[in-house]
Structures are given as C-alpha cells and as structure tokens.
Amino acid sequence: MAGRIVVGVDGSAHARQALRFALAEAALRGARVVVVGSWAVPPLAATGVGMIPAFDLLRTELADSASEVLSRELAEVADAAAGAEVEQH
C-alpha cells in the first residue's frame, strides 16, 4: 500500500467531487482512502448547566447523522470506489 489519502465529506456536491477525486487518485497510487466526516454542537446547546442532558442526546444524534452522511456518500460513488480500500471516520 502506498500511503493514504484523507478526504472530508459533508454531504455537499463539492465534497462528493473531492471524494471521487480522492478515490481516483488512490487507484493511481495504490493508496488507501480515509473518508472523514465531522460535526459540531450548536453553541446554544453547549451552554448552561440545564443543557447537559440535551447535549448528550444532541451529540449522539449528530454523530449518527454524520455516519449516515458518510455511508450515503460512499454509496453515491460506489462505481469509483470499486476495488479501493476505504476507511470511514
């Protein structure tokens, strides 16, 4: 394996193009693709003592949503991902 290529995915068309590019580049180099999603807790949910239970619920929902976006985007580019070693984070 010739290294790795890291690409961020957020569900946007630009991110999907970046994912396709990363997969094509990985095929050329024999590299692994690491697909990364991220999320942030909205500022209002992260302040105040009374928000702590809501924060935990919100954090779980945001993480689950980010994971769903990664899976959906990889399904969208399945043709380009054929044969590629792909990690999701």
C-alpha atoms as a PDB file:
ATOM      1  CA  MET A   1       0.000   0.000   0.000  1.00  0.00           C
ATOM      2  CA  ALA A   2       1.368   3.392  -0.998  1.00  0.00           C
ATOM      3  CA  GLY A   3       0.094   5.559   1.832  1.00  0.00           C
ATOM      4  CA  ARG A   4      -3.263   7.097   2.361  1.00  0.00           C
ATOM      5  CA  ILE A   5      -5.402   9.926   1.051  1.00  0.00           C
ATOM      6  CA  VAL A   6      -7.689  11.702   3.517  1.00  0.00           C
ATOM      7  CA  VAL A   7     -10.864  13.417   2.283  1.00  0.00           C
ATOM      8  CA  GLY A   8     -13.599  15.225   4.191  1.00  0.00           C
ATOM      9  CA  VAL A   9     -17.248  14.580   3.366  1.00  0.00           C
ATOM     10  CA  ASP A  10     -20.203  16.724   4.451  1.00  0.00           C
ATOM     11  CA  GLY A  11     -22.936  15.745   2.018  1.00  0.00           C
ATOM     12  CA  SER A  12     -22.315  18.631  -0.386  1.00  0.00           C
ATOM     13  CA  ALA A  13     -21.740  18.293  -4.120  1.00  0.00           C
ATOM     14  CA  HIS A  14     -18.222  19.716  -3.716  1.00  0.00           C
ATOM     15  CA  ALA A  15     -17.359  17.119  -1.083  1.00  0.00           C
ATOM     16  CA  ARG A  16     -18.678  14.371  -3.359  1.00  0.00           C
ATOM     17  CA  GLN A  17     -16.392  15.629  -6.145  1.00  0.00           C
ATOM     18  CA  ALA A  18     -13.473  15.639  -3.698  1.00  0.00           C
ATOM     19  CA  LEU A  19     -14.332  12.062  -2.708  1.00  0.00           C
ATOM     20  CA  ARG A  20     -14.400  10.955  -6.346  1.00  0.00           C
ATOM     21  CA  PHE A  21     -11.044  12.668  -6.918  1.00  0.00           C
ATOM     22  CA  ALA A  22      -9.549  11.014  -3.833  1.00  0.00           C
ATOM     23  CA  LEU A  23     -10.734   7.590  -4.988  1.00  0.00           C
ATOM     24  CA  ALA A  24      -9.303   8.109  -8.475  1.00  0.00           C
ATOM     25  CA  GLU A  25      -6.006   9.326  -7.036  1.00  0.00           C
ATOM     26  CA  ALA A  26      -5.886   6.344  -4.677  1.00  0.00           C
ATOM     27  CA  ALA A  27      -6.377   3.996  -7.633  1.00  0.00           C
ATOM     28  CA  LEU A  28      -3.432   5.621  -9.416  1.00  0.00           C
ATOM     29  CA  ARG A  29      -1.170   5.448  -6.368  1.00  0.00           C
ATOM     30  CA  GLY A  30      -2.384   2.191  -4.849  1.00  0.00           C
ATOM     31  CA  ALA A  31      -3.268   4.139  -1.715  1.00  0.00           C
ATOM     32  CA  ARG A  32      -5.971   3.730   0.900  1.00  0.00           C
ATOM     33  CA  VAL A  33      -8.716   6.393   1.200  1.00  0.00           C
ATOM     34  CA  VAL A  34      -9.698   7.657   4.632  1.00  0.00           C
ATOM     35  CA  VAL A  35     -13.117   9.332   4.486  1.00  0.00           C
ATOM     36  CA  VAL A  36     -13.727  11.726   7.368  1.00  0.00           C
ATOM     37  CA  GLY A  37     -16.945  13.366   8.472  1.00  0.00           C
ATOM     38  CA  SER A  38     -17.310  15.948  11.192  1.00  0.00           C
ATOM     39  CA  TRP A  39     -20.000  17.691  13.155  1.00  0.00           C
ATOM     40  CA  ALA A  40     -20.246  20.464  15.695  1.00  0.00           C
ATOM     41  CA  VAL A  41     -22.628  21.080  18.556  1.00  0.00           C
ATOM     42  CA  PRO A  42     -24.553  24.320  18.026  1.00  0.00           C
ATOM     43  CA  PRO A  43     -23.391  26.967  20.556  1.00  0.00           C
ATOM     44  CA  LEU A  44     -26.782  27.317  22.251  1.00  0.00           C
ATOM     45  CA  ALA A  45     -26.891  23.601  23.049  1.00  0.00           C
ATOM     46  CA  ALA A  46     -23.426  23.659  24.594  1.00  0.00           C
ATOM     47  CA  THR A  47     -24.031  26.388  27.187  1.00  0.00           C
ATOM     48  CA  GLY A  48     -25.777  26.356  30.516  1.00  0.00           C
ATOM     49  CA  VAL A  49     -25.971  23.713  33.208  1.00  0.00           C
ATOM     50  CA  GLY A  50     -29.510  22.714  32.234  1.00  0.00           C
ATOM     51  CA  MET A  51     -28.363  21.790  28.747  1.00  0.00           C
ATOM     52  CA  ILE A  52     -26.082  18.897  29.719  1.00  0.00           C
ATOM     53  CA  PRO A  53     -28.690  16.105  29.200  1.00  0.00           C
ATOM     54  CA  ALA A  54     -29.728  17.693  25.906  1.00  0.00           C
ATOM     55  CA  PHE A  55     -26.062  17.954  24.909  1.00  0.00           C
ATOM     56  CA  ASP A  56     -25.568  14.202  25.305  1.00  0.00           C
ATOM     57  CA  LEU A  57     -28.657  13.445  23.226  1.00  0.00           C
ATOM     58  CA  LEU A  58     -27.694  16.009  20.607  1.00  0.00           C
ATOM     59  CA  ARG A  59     -24.126  14.693  20.421  1.00  0.00           C
ATOM     60  CA  THR A  60     -25.393  11.168  19.752  1.00  0.00           C
ATOM     61  CA  GLU A  61     -27.838  12.366  17.091  1.00  0.00           C
ATOM     62  CA  LEU A  62     -25.178  14.475  15.354  1.00  0.00           C
ATOM     63  CA  ALA A  63     -22.668  11.620  15.356  1.00  0.00           C
ATOM     64  CA  ASP A  64     -25.279   9.228  13.952  1.00  0.00           C
ATOM     65  CA  SER A  65     -26.229  11.755  11.280  1.00  0.00           C
ATOM     66  CA  ALA A  66     -22.579  12.262  10.272  1.00  0.00           C
ATOM     67  CA  SER A  67     -22.146   8.483   9.991  1.00  0.00           C
ATOM     68  CA  GLU A  68     -25.238   8.268   7.769  1.00  0.00           C
ATOM     69  CA  VAL A  69     -23.846  11.024   5.514  1.00  0.00           C
ATOM     70  CA  LEU A  70     -20.577   9.102   5.121  1.00  0.00           C
ATOM     71  CA  SER A  71     -22.392   5.898   4.222  1.00  0.00           C
ATOM     72  CA  ARG A  72     -24.727   7.672   1.793  1.00  0.00           C
ATOM     73  CA  GLU A  73     -21.866   9.499   0.057  1.00  0.00           C
ATOM     74  CA  LEU A  74     -19.859   6.295  -0.326  1.00  0.00           C
ATOM     75  CA  ALA A  75     -22.930   4.623  -1.829  1.00  0.00           C
ATOM     76  CA  GLU A  76     -23.249   7.544  -4.291  1.00  0.00           C
ATOM     77  CA  VAL A  77     -19.699   6.997  -5.562  1.00  0.00           C
ATOM     78  CA  ALA A  78     -19.708   3.197  -5.369  1.00  0.00           C
ATOM     79  CA  ASP A  79     -18.643   2.974  -9.011  1.00  0.00           C
ATOM     80  CA  ALA A  80     -15.498   4.987  -8.302  1.00  0.00           C
ATOM     81  CA  ALA A  81     -14.828   3.104  -5.064  1.00  0.00           C
ATOM     82  CA  ALA A  82     -14.783  -0.346  -6.645  1.00  0.00           C
ATOM     83  CA  GLY A  83     -11.645  -2.131  -5.541  1.00  0.00           C
ATOM     84  CA  ALA A  84     -10.451   0.740  -3.342  1.00  0.00           C
ATOM     85  CA  GLU A  85      -9.557   0.253   0.308  1.00  0.00           C
ATOM     86  CA  VAL A  86     -11.745   2.774   2.158  1.00  0.00           C
ATOM     87  CA  GLU A  87     -11.881   3.628   5.869  1.00  0.00           C
ATOM     88  CA  GLN A  88     -14.640   5.721   7.451  1.00  0.00           C
ATOM     89  CA  HIS A  89     -14.085   8.005  10.434  1.00  0.00           C
END
